[in-house]
Amino acid sequence: MNRFEELDEMLHDCWHLLAKAAIKRKGDYQTPVIGTLGEGQAELRTVVLREVDMPGRKLIFFTDARSAKTQELEQSPRLSWLFWDARKKVQMRMYGEAECHRTDQVCRQYWEKLPVQGRKSYASTLAPGSPVDTDMTGLPNHWSDNMQLEDTEYAFDHFMVVVCQVGQVELLHLHQEGHQRAAYHWENGGWDGQWVIP
């Protein structure tokens, strides 16, 4: 990947890479690490980037509404993102406010697009992280990847869409001709960028 010449170019290209990863559903950027505030410490998890809204500055992922991360976001909606592409040597750190959608129209529009296999992650009868005596998925006995879509509808109650509007971005590009780093803040309807020392 070539070095960036302009701050705007670097930010635009990085957002474009994220959007491409979400659409093509592959690549390092599709599985970022997110950070939430837990009980006195940062809680980190890998999620699947489902959608990117560049004009709206939004990053979207799905989760089980019963998960610990949901409770953490309800207590503090601040959300951190870490993306790393080992081939392009580009790291992106993004920060923003999360909005959690459950059993509403936003949630429903994404749910309707999920096949049976996609709904499986939200179909457990037990909440994620529940202690159990044996290795198990928690899926009900009747669950099958060949079941009718309408038979999975009960899992909608567990499905949550998290929409994060990004207000701060930090980009790092490791390059043999010299590393590059830039920081951006959303202010007065636009991005204010600044080169910083890598």
Foldseek 3Di string as FASTA:
>chain_A
DDDDDDPVVVVVVVLVVLQVCLVVVDAQSQWKWKWFDDDPDIDIDTFGFNHGDVLQQKTKTKDFCLDPVVVRCVVPQKMWIWTAHPVQQKIKIWIFGKDKDAPDPVLVVVLVPDQLVRLLRQQAPDGPPDDDDDDDDNHDPPDDSPDDRVVSVVSSRGMMMMMTRTFKMKMWGDDPVAIWIKIWGDDPNDIDMDTDHD
